[in-house]
């Protein structure tokens, strides 16, 4: 069979001609065969991957959403926080631990593998730079540093692991923004073959085999696939000051003691009758009598460059007729007045509350009788 080929300069034309020639040659029904081999070379490498995911409880307290979740380069906003003011984000778990405040949020780490016989992996983490003094970064309660710290030694592939990031800040750390990059690193845990029969060999041979096994183990770890991921975490440390009232052992028991809004109930008072526990009557004169109790003020601060504070007080409204109020001998009115200068933070400081009652009759300058009388005193602590 004669084959006619028209050659063209275009490559597709040349390929068509060659194909026609091949068909022409193969046309006879002879028992001749031809064979060819196509050799393919490739190398499959084991690999592992790490991604950060939002925990199923994301949005609830202790589980803030990640930025760029589902990747190995996520971010986590820890909000703005202070020792006395808490955190600005509702998803942050906030607490006080001694003179530190603690903010924390949890997220999930998912590690998968491909073409690997590794049964589990080791997870470690580090922070990108040394934090300021009295600031700690922790993962699962383990203190982080610029060197890798092992978090877990035998995690299973394909199963999410919840990690809790925690930042602890002492209450005297100046206000600033803390921004750190957390690097995560993982390594497969491979099974090493152990042989007991080698114990029967001479010590010199055993030592040689032992060295080889150790070298093989180091080499194995060095060649094992690894995966890394980073989380950029940010926390703004705010300064703040807080004032609470505590019950003094020698005074009346405060209502809602330990808070910034308490009540002092003097009960029924008189110039000569019995008084409630914790109340004294230091003076009785023809014009007035005084009843007194003791309460404690505790002021704490965070992020301030201050060693002391000034305590001020004033009446919210004008005192009822026939009554006057004193704190530490300072007679109060609706204007702020200084009660104490250079008071120390963090300590319960006792203050006297005196109620001076006129002995005049009601309507003649004395107080109403048999009627509940109330007053509100505002206290302000100002950092020096």
Protein backbone atom coordinates (compact mmCIF):
# COMPACT_ATOMS: atom_id res chain seq x y z
CA UNK A 1 0.00 0.00 0.00
CA UNK A 2 1.37 3.30 -0.97
CA UNK A 3 1.13 6.04 1.52
CA UNK A 4 1.09 9.62 0.42
CA UNK A 5 2.09 12.19 2.97
CA UNK A 6 1.89 15.86 2.55
CA UNK A 7 4.44 17.49 4.71
CA UNK A 8 3.66 20.79 6.22
CA UNK A 9 5.73 23.10 8.29
CA UNK A 10 3.24 23.00 11.11
CA UNK A 11 4.04 20.40 13.78
CA UNK A 12 0.55 18.87 13.77
CA UNK A 13 0.87 18.07 10.09
CA UNK A 14 4.10 16.16 10.62
CA UNK A 15 2.56 14.16 13.45
CA UNK A 16 -0.37 13.19 11.21
CA UNK A 17 1.94 11.91 8.54
CA UNK A 18 3.87 9.72 10.93
CA UNK A 19 0.61 8.26 12.20
CA UNK A 20 -0.44 7.35 8.65
CA UNK A 21 2.84 5.63 8.06
CA UNK A 22 2.40 3.57 11.20
CA UNK A 23 -1.04 2.45 10.06
CA UNK A 24 0.25 1.48 6.66
CA UNK A 25 3.04 -0.66 8.07
CA UNK A 26 0.72 -2.47 10.46
CA UNK A 27 -1.81 -3.38 7.79
CA UNK A 28 -0.45 -6.84 6.71
CA UNK A 29 -1.82 -9.75 8.77
CA UNK A 30 1.58 -11.21 9.48
CA UNK A 31 2.31 -12.61 12.94
CA UNK A 32 4.92 -10.01 13.57
CA UNK A 33 4.66 -8.05 16.81
CA UNK A 34 6.39 -5.06 18.22
CA UNK A 35 6.77 -3.93 21.84
CA UNK A 36 7.93 -0.88 23.68
CA UNK A 37 8.38 0.20 27.26
CA UNK A 38 7.69 3.52 28.89
CA UNK A 39 9.68 3.90 32.07
CA UNK A 40 8.26 6.19 34.78
CA UNK A 41 10.37 7.35 37.66
CA UNK A 42 8.98 9.09 40.73
CA UNK A 43 9.52 9.38 44.44
CA UNK A 44 6.71 9.47 46.97
CA UNK A 45 7.56 11.40 50.09
CA UNK A 46 5.70 11.14 53.37
CA UNK A 47 4.23 14.40 54.61
CA UNK A 48 2.18 15.85 57.44
CA UNK A 49 0.08 18.99 57.65
CA UNK A 50 -1.04 21.24 60.51
CA UNK A 51 -3.98 23.65 60.58
CA UNK A 52 -5.60 25.76 63.30
CA UNK A 53 -9.39 25.51 63.62
CA UNK A 54 -12.02 27.19 65.72
CA UNK A 55 -13.20 25.02 68.58
CA UNK A 56 -16.84 23.86 68.32
CA UNK A 57 -17.56 26.11 71.33
CA UNK A 58 -16.26 29.19 69.49
CA UNK A 59 -17.96 32.39 70.63
CA UNK A 60 -18.57 31.19 74.17
CA UNK A 61 -16.38 32.27 77.07
CA UNK A 62 -12.88 30.87 76.70
CA UNK A 63 -13.20 30.23 72.94
CA UNK A 64 -12.54 33.29 70.78
CA UNK A 65 -12.65 33.00 66.97
CA UNK A 66 -9.40 32.70 65.06
CA UNK A 67 -8.52 34.92 62.18
CA UNK A 68 -7.84 32.86 59.03
CA UNK A 69 -9.07 29.66 60.72
CA UNK A 70 -8.50 26.45 58.78
CA UNK A 71 -4.93 27.39 57.83
CA UNK A 72 -1.47 27.09 59.34
CA UNK A 73 -1.14 30.87 59.72
CA UNK A 74 -3.93 32.12 61.97
CA UNK A 75 -4.37 35.07 64.32
CA UNK A 76 -6.01 35.44 67.73
CA UNK A 77 -7.21 38.72 69.26
CA UNK A 78 -7.16 38.66 73.07
CA UNK A 79 -8.76 42.10 73.37
CA UNK A 80 -7.84 44.83 75.84
CA UNK A 81 -7.55 43.90 79.50
CA UNK A 82 -6.59 45.30 82.88
CA UNK A 83 -6.30 43.86 86.37
CA UNK A 84 -9.38 45.63 87.66
CA UNK A 85 -11.37 46.17 84.46
CA UNK A 86 -11.44 42.67 83.00
CA UNK A 87 -11.23 42.08 79.25
CA UNK A 88 -13.04 43.92 76.47
CA UNK A 89 -14.03 40.68 74.69
CA UNK A 90 -16.81 38.50 76.05
CA UNK A 91 -15.23 35.36 74.59
CA UNK A 92 -12.08 35.77 76.72
CA UNK A 93 -11.87 33.84 79.99
CA UNK A 94 -10.61 36.40 82.52
CA UNK A 95 -9.49 35.81 86.10
CA UNK A 96 -7.20 37.19 88.79
CA UNK A 97 -4.37 35.06 90.17
CA UNK A 98 -2.71 36.83 93.08
CA UNK A 99 -1.28 40.05 91.70
CA UNK A 100 -1.57 38.77 88.11
CA UNK A 101 -4.55 38.88 85.80
CA UNK A 102 -5.05 36.01 83.37
CA UNK A 103 -6.69 36.00 79.94
CA UNK A 104 -7.11 32.80 77.97
CA UNK A 105 -8.74 31.39 74.85
CA UNK A 106 -8.71 27.89 73.37
CA UNK A 107 -8.51 26.69 69.78
CA UNK A 108 -8.05 23.39 67.98
CA UNK A 109 -4.99 21.96 66.22
CA UNK A 110 -5.56 19.33 63.54
CA UNK A 111 -2.65 17.31 62.16
CA UNK A 112 -3.01 14.92 59.23
CA UNK A 113 -0.51 12.62 57.54
CA UNK A 114 0.06 11.16 54.10
CA UNK A 115 2.18 8.16 53.10
CA UNK A 116 3.53 7.73 56.59
CA UNK A 117 3.55 4.76 58.94
CA UNK A 118 3.93 7.04 61.94
CA UNK A 119 1.33 6.23 64.61
CA UNK A 120 1.43 9.56 66.46
CA UNK A 121 3.22 12.87 66.62
CA UNK A 122 4.91 15.19 69.09
CA UNK A 123 3.70 18.80 69.23
CA UNK A 124 5.86 21.70 70.45
CA UNK A 125 5.57 25.49 70.46
CA UNK A 126 7.64 28.62 71.02
CA UNK A 127 7.09 32.38 71.06
CA UNK A 128 8.80 34.68 68.61
CA UNK A 129 10.50 36.94 71.18
CA UNK A 130 11.06 37.31 74.91
CA UNK A 131 8.02 38.95 76.59
CA UNK A 132 8.32 41.97 78.92
CA UNK A 133 9.10 41.39 82.59
CA UNK A 134 6.20 39.97 84.61
CA UNK A 135 4.32 38.86 81.47
CA UNK A 136 3.94 35.14 80.81
CA UNK A 137 2.69 33.31 77.73
CA UNK A 138 1.48 29.77 78.33
CA UNK A 139 0.00 26.94 76.31
CA UNK A 140 -1.85 24.29 78.29
CA UNK A 141 -0.29 25.70 81.47
CA UNK A 142 3.24 25.25 80.08
CA UNK A 143 5.40 28.37 80.15
CA UNK A 144 6.56 29.30 76.65
CA UNK A 145 9.95 30.68 75.71
CA UNK A 146 11.90 31.36 72.54
CA UNK A 147 12.95 27.70 72.58
CA UNK A 148 10.50 24.98 71.64
CA UNK A 149 8.52 23.56 74.55
CA UNK A 150 6.90 20.16 74.09
CA UNK A 151 3.13 20.29 74.60
CA UNK A 152 2.18 16.66 73.92
CA UNK A 153 4.21 13.60 73.05
CA UNK A 154 1.77 11.17 71.42
CA UNK A 155 -1.13 12.89 69.68
CA UNK A 156 -3.20 10.97 67.15
CA UNK A 157 -3.40 12.09 63.54
CA UNK A 158 -6.74 13.24 62.24
CA UNK A 159 -8.06 14.10 65.71
CA UNK A 160 -8.43 17.71 66.80
CA UNK A 161 -6.43 18.65 69.90
CA UNK A 162 -7.64 21.62 71.93
CA UNK A 163 -4.87 23.97 73.02
CA UNK A 164 -5.46 26.81 75.51
CA UNK A 165 -3.41 29.98 75.09
CA UNK A 166 -3.02 31.93 78.32
CA UNK A 167 -1.36 35.27 79.03
CA UNK A 168 -0.57 36.29 82.62
CA UNK A 169 0.17 39.96 83.34
CA UNK A 170 1.19 41.35 86.73
CA UNK A 171 -0.81 44.35 87.88
CA UNK A 172 2.22 46.70 87.85
CA UNK A 173 3.10 46.15 84.17
CA UNK A 174 2.79 49.46 82.26
CA UNK A 175 -0.01 49.77 79.70
CA UNK A 176 1.12 48.51 76.30
CA UNK A 177 0.23 46.16 73.47
CA UNK A 178 1.58 42.61 73.60
CA UNK A 179 1.96 41.01 70.18
CA UNK A 180 3.69 37.68 69.79
CA UNK A 181 3.94 35.04 67.09
CA UNK A 182 3.55 31.49 68.31
CA UNK A 183 5.38 28.90 66.25
CA UNK A 184 4.15 25.32 66.37
CA UNK A 185 6.31 22.40 65.34
CA UNK A 186 5.50 18.72 65.18
CA UNK A 187 7.46 15.54 64.58
CA UNK A 188 6.22 12.02 63.84
CA UNK A 189 6.92 9.41 66.49
CA UNK A 190 8.37 6.38 64.69
CA UNK A 191 8.64 2.92 66.14
CA UNK A 192 12.20 1.76 66.75
CA UNK A 193 12.96 -1.94 66.55
CA UNK A 194 14.39 -3.32 69.77
CA UNK A 195 16.22 -6.63 69.87
CA UNK A 196 16.86 -8.52 73.08
CA UNK A 197 19.18 -11.19 71.67
CA UNK A 198 21.97 -8.66 71.27
CA UNK A 199 22.49 -8.82 75.02
CA UNK A 200 24.29 -12.13 74.56
CA UNK A 201 27.03 -10.59 72.43
CA UNK A 202 30.33 -9.28 73.69
CA UNK A 203 30.24 -5.84 75.25
CA UNK A 204 32.44 -4.36 72.53
CA UNK A 205 30.05 -5.57 69.84
CA UNK A 206 27.02 -4.48 71.87
CA UNK A 207 28.43 -1.00 72.23
CA UNK A 208 29.05 -0.77 68.52
CA UNK A 209 25.51 -1.90 67.73
CA UNK A 210 24.16 0.51 70.32
CA UNK A 211 25.99 3.40 68.69
CA UNK A 212 24.66 2.41 65.29
CA UNK A 213 21.12 2.24 66.64
CA UNK A 214 21.48 5.64 68.21
CA UNK A 215 22.86 7.11 65.04
CA UNK A 216 20.08 5.48 63.04
CA UNK A 217 17.53 6.98 65.39
CA UNK A 218 18.99 10.46 65.03
CA UNK A 219 19.05 10.10 61.27
CA UNK A 220 15.49 8.82 61.24
CA UNK A 221 14.25 11.84 63.17
CA UNK A 222 16.20 14.18 60.96
CA UNK A 223 14.57 12.75 57.81
CA UNK A 224 11.04 12.52 59.20
CA UNK A 225 8.58 15.00 57.76
CA UNK A 226 7.66 17.95 59.91
CA UNK A 227 4.91 20.53 59.79
CA UNK A 228 4.80 24.01 61.22
CA UNK A 229 2.18 26.63 61.91
CA UNK A 230 1.99 30.07 63.44
CA UNK A 231 -0.59 32.02 65.43
CA UNK A 232 -0.27 35.77 65.83
CA UNK A 233 -1.74 36.69 69.23
CA UNK A 234 -2.42 40.23 70.41
CA UNK A 235 -3.35 41.54 73.88
CA UNK A 236 -3.66 45.20 74.90
CA UNK A 237 -2.83 45.73 78.55
CA UNK A 238 -4.90 48.61 79.97
CA UNK A 239 -4.15 50.53 83.14
CA UNK A 240 -6.85 50.82 85.76
CA UNK A 241 -7.72 51.30 89.41
CA UNK A 242 -10.44 49.65 91.50
CA UNK A 243 -11.95 50.30 94.93
CA UNK A 244 -13.85 47.81 97.09
CA UNK A 245 -15.22 47.88 100.63
CA UNK A 246 -14.46 45.05 103.07
CA UNK A 247 -15.95 44.32 106.48
CA UNK A 248 -13.60 45.32 109.28
CA UNK A 249 -13.34 42.79 112.16
CA UNK A 250 -14.32 45.50 114.66
CA UNK A 251 -17.12 46.99 112.59
CA UNK A 252 -20.58 46.11 111.34
CA UNK A 253 -20.93 43.40 108.71
CA UNK A 254 -21.30 45.13 105.35
CA UNK A 255 -23.94 44.09 102.87
CA UNK A 256 -22.27 42.82 99.64
CA UNK A 257 -18.88 43.09 101.32
CA UNK A 258 -15.91 42.81 98.97
CA UNK A 259 -17.61 44.84 96.23
CA UNK A 260 -17.72 48.48 95.21
CA UNK A 261 -21.38 48.93 96.23
CA UNK A 262 -22.06 47.95 99.85
CA UNK A 263 -24.64 48.82 102.50
CA UNK A 264 -24.17 49.82 106.14
CA UNK A 265 -27.21 49.16 108.28
CA UNK A 266 -27.07 50.97 111.63
CA UNK A 267 -30.44 49.54 112.57
CA UNK A 268 -32.35 51.43 115.27
CA UNK A 269 -30.23 54.00 117.06
CA UNK A 270 -30.84 56.24 120.07
CA UNK A 271 -28.93 58.26 122.59
CA UNK A 272 -29.37 55.68 125.34
CA UNK A 273 -30.87 52.43 123.99
CA UNK A 274 -29.06 49.27 122.82
CA UNK A 275 -27.14 49.25 119.52
CA UNK A 276 -26.47 46.57 116.92
CA UNK A 277 -23.25 44.57 116.96
CA UNK A 278 -20.29 46.44 115.52
CA UNK A 279 -21.73 49.87 116.37
CA UNK A 280 -20.49 52.07 119.21
CA UNK A 281 -21.75 55.31 120.75
CA UNK A 282 -18.60 57.29 121.54
CA UNK A 283 -20.27 60.54 122.63
CA UNK A 284 -23.59 61.73 124.05
CA UNK A 285 -24.20 65.44 124.77
CA UNK A 286 -27.24 67.55 125.39
CA UNK A 287 -27.20 68.70 121.72
CA UNK A 288 -26.35 65.45 119.94
CA UNK A 289 -25.09 61.92 120.15
CA UNK A 290 -22.76 60.01 117.83
CA UNK A 291 -22.91 56.41 116.63
CA UNK A 292 -19.88 54.94 114.90
CA UNK A 293 -18.63 51.89 113.05
CA UNK A 294 -15.48 50.87 111.15
CA UNK A 295 -15.18 49.70 107.53
CA UNK A 296 -12.22 48.87 105.30
CA UNK A 297 -11.28 50.30 101.91
CA UNK A 298 -9.07 48.32 99.54
CA UNK A 299 -7.72 49.86 96.34
CA UNK A 300 -5.82 47.95 93.66
CA UNK A 301 -4.23 49.17 90.46
CA UNK A 302 -2.88 47.65 87.28
CA UNK A 303 -0.57 49.07 84.63
CA UNK A 304 -0.02 52.36 86.48
CA UNK A 305 3.29 53.95 87.46
CA UNK A 306 1.86 54.80 90.87
CA UNK A 307 2.81 53.78 94.39
CA UNK A 308 -0.07 55.39 96.31
CA UNK A 309 -3.50 56.95 95.95
CA UNK A 310 -5.66 59.72 97.40
CA UNK A 311 -9.07 58.82 98.83
CA UNK A 312 -11.93 61.32 98.53
CA UNK A 313 -15.56 61.17 99.63
CA UNK A 314 -18.78 63.15 99.31
CA UNK A 315 -22.49 62.80 99.98
CA UNK A 316 -24.57 62.02 96.91
CA UNK A 317 -27.35 64.29 98.23
CA UNK A 318 -27.81 66.65 101.14
CA UNK A 319 -28.05 64.81 104.48
CA UNK A 320 -31.48 64.48 106.11
CA UNK A 321 -32.38 67.07 108.72
CA UNK A 322 -30.76 66.52 112.11
CA UNK A 323 -28.05 64.20 110.76
CA UNK A 324 -24.46 64.69 109.69
CA UNK A 325 -21.94 62.15 108.40
CA UNK A 326 -18.22 61.96 109.05
CA UNK A 327 -15.47 59.77 107.66
CA UNK A 328 -12.32 59.90 109.78
CA UNK A 329 -13.48 63.16 111.41
CA UNK A 330 -14.10 64.84 108.05
CA UNK A 331 -17.70 66.13 107.97
CA UNK A 332 -19.12 65.30 104.55
CA UNK A 333 -21.16 67.40 102.17
CA UNK A 334 -21.94 67.10 98.47
CA UNK A 335 -18.45 68.30 97.48
CA UNK A 336 -15.52 65.89 97.32
CA UNK A 337 -13.18 66.12 100.28
CA UNK A 338 -9.87 64.39 100.91
CA UNK A 339 -10.05 61.56 103.43
CA UNK A 340 -6.50 60.21 103.06
CA UNK A 341 -3.36 61.04 101.11
CA UNK A 342 -0.65 58.59 100.02
CA UNK A 343 -2.66 55.47 100.84
CA UNK A 344 -1.07 52.14 99.93
CA UNK A 345 -2.48 49.86 97.23
CA UNK A 346 -3.57 46.32 97.90
CA UNK A 347 -4.21 46.66 101.64
CA UNK A 348 -7.40 46.88 103.67
CA UNK A 349 -7.28 50.32 105.30
CA UNK A 350 -9.72 50.94 108.16
CA UNK A 351 -11.86 54.08 108.21
CA UNK A 352 -14.33 55.35 110.79
CA UNK A 353 -17.87 56.22 109.78
CA UNK A 354 -19.59 58.49 112.30
CA UNK A 355 -23.24 59.49 112.28
CA UNK A 356 -23.92 62.59 114.39
CA UNK A 357 -27.58 62.84 115.43
CA UNK A 358 -29.23 65.97 116.82
CA UNK A 359 -31.20 65.46 120.03
CA UNK A 360 -33.73 68.15 119.01
CA UNK A 361 -37.31 67.16 118.41
CA UNK A 362 -38.56 66.39 114.91
CA UNK A 363 -39.45 69.60 113.10
CA UNK A 364 -37.29 71.59 115.49
CA UNK A 365 -33.96 70.63 113.93
CA UNK A 366 -33.99 66.97 114.94
CA UNK A 367 -34.37 63.97 112.61
CA UNK A 368 -37.61 62.17 111.84
CA UNK A 369 -38.34 59.49 114.42
CA UNK A 370 -39.40 55.95 113.53
CA UNK A 371 -38.81 56.58 109.82
CA UNK A 372 -36.00 54.88 107.82
CA UNK A 373 -33.36 57.43 106.86
CA UNK A 374 -30.90 56.76 104.07
CA UNK A 375 -27.84 58.44 102.62
CA UNK A 376 -25.25 57.54 99.97
CA UNK A 377 -21.55 58.35 100.25
CA UNK A 378 -19.44 58.34 97.09
CA UNK A 379 -15.77 57.37 97.43
CA UNK A 380 -13.13 58.08 94.80
CA UNK A 381 -9.55 56.78 94.69
CA UNK A 382 -7.14 58.82 92.57
CA UNK A 383 -3.66 57.55 91.71
CA UNK A 384 -0.82 59.79 92.82
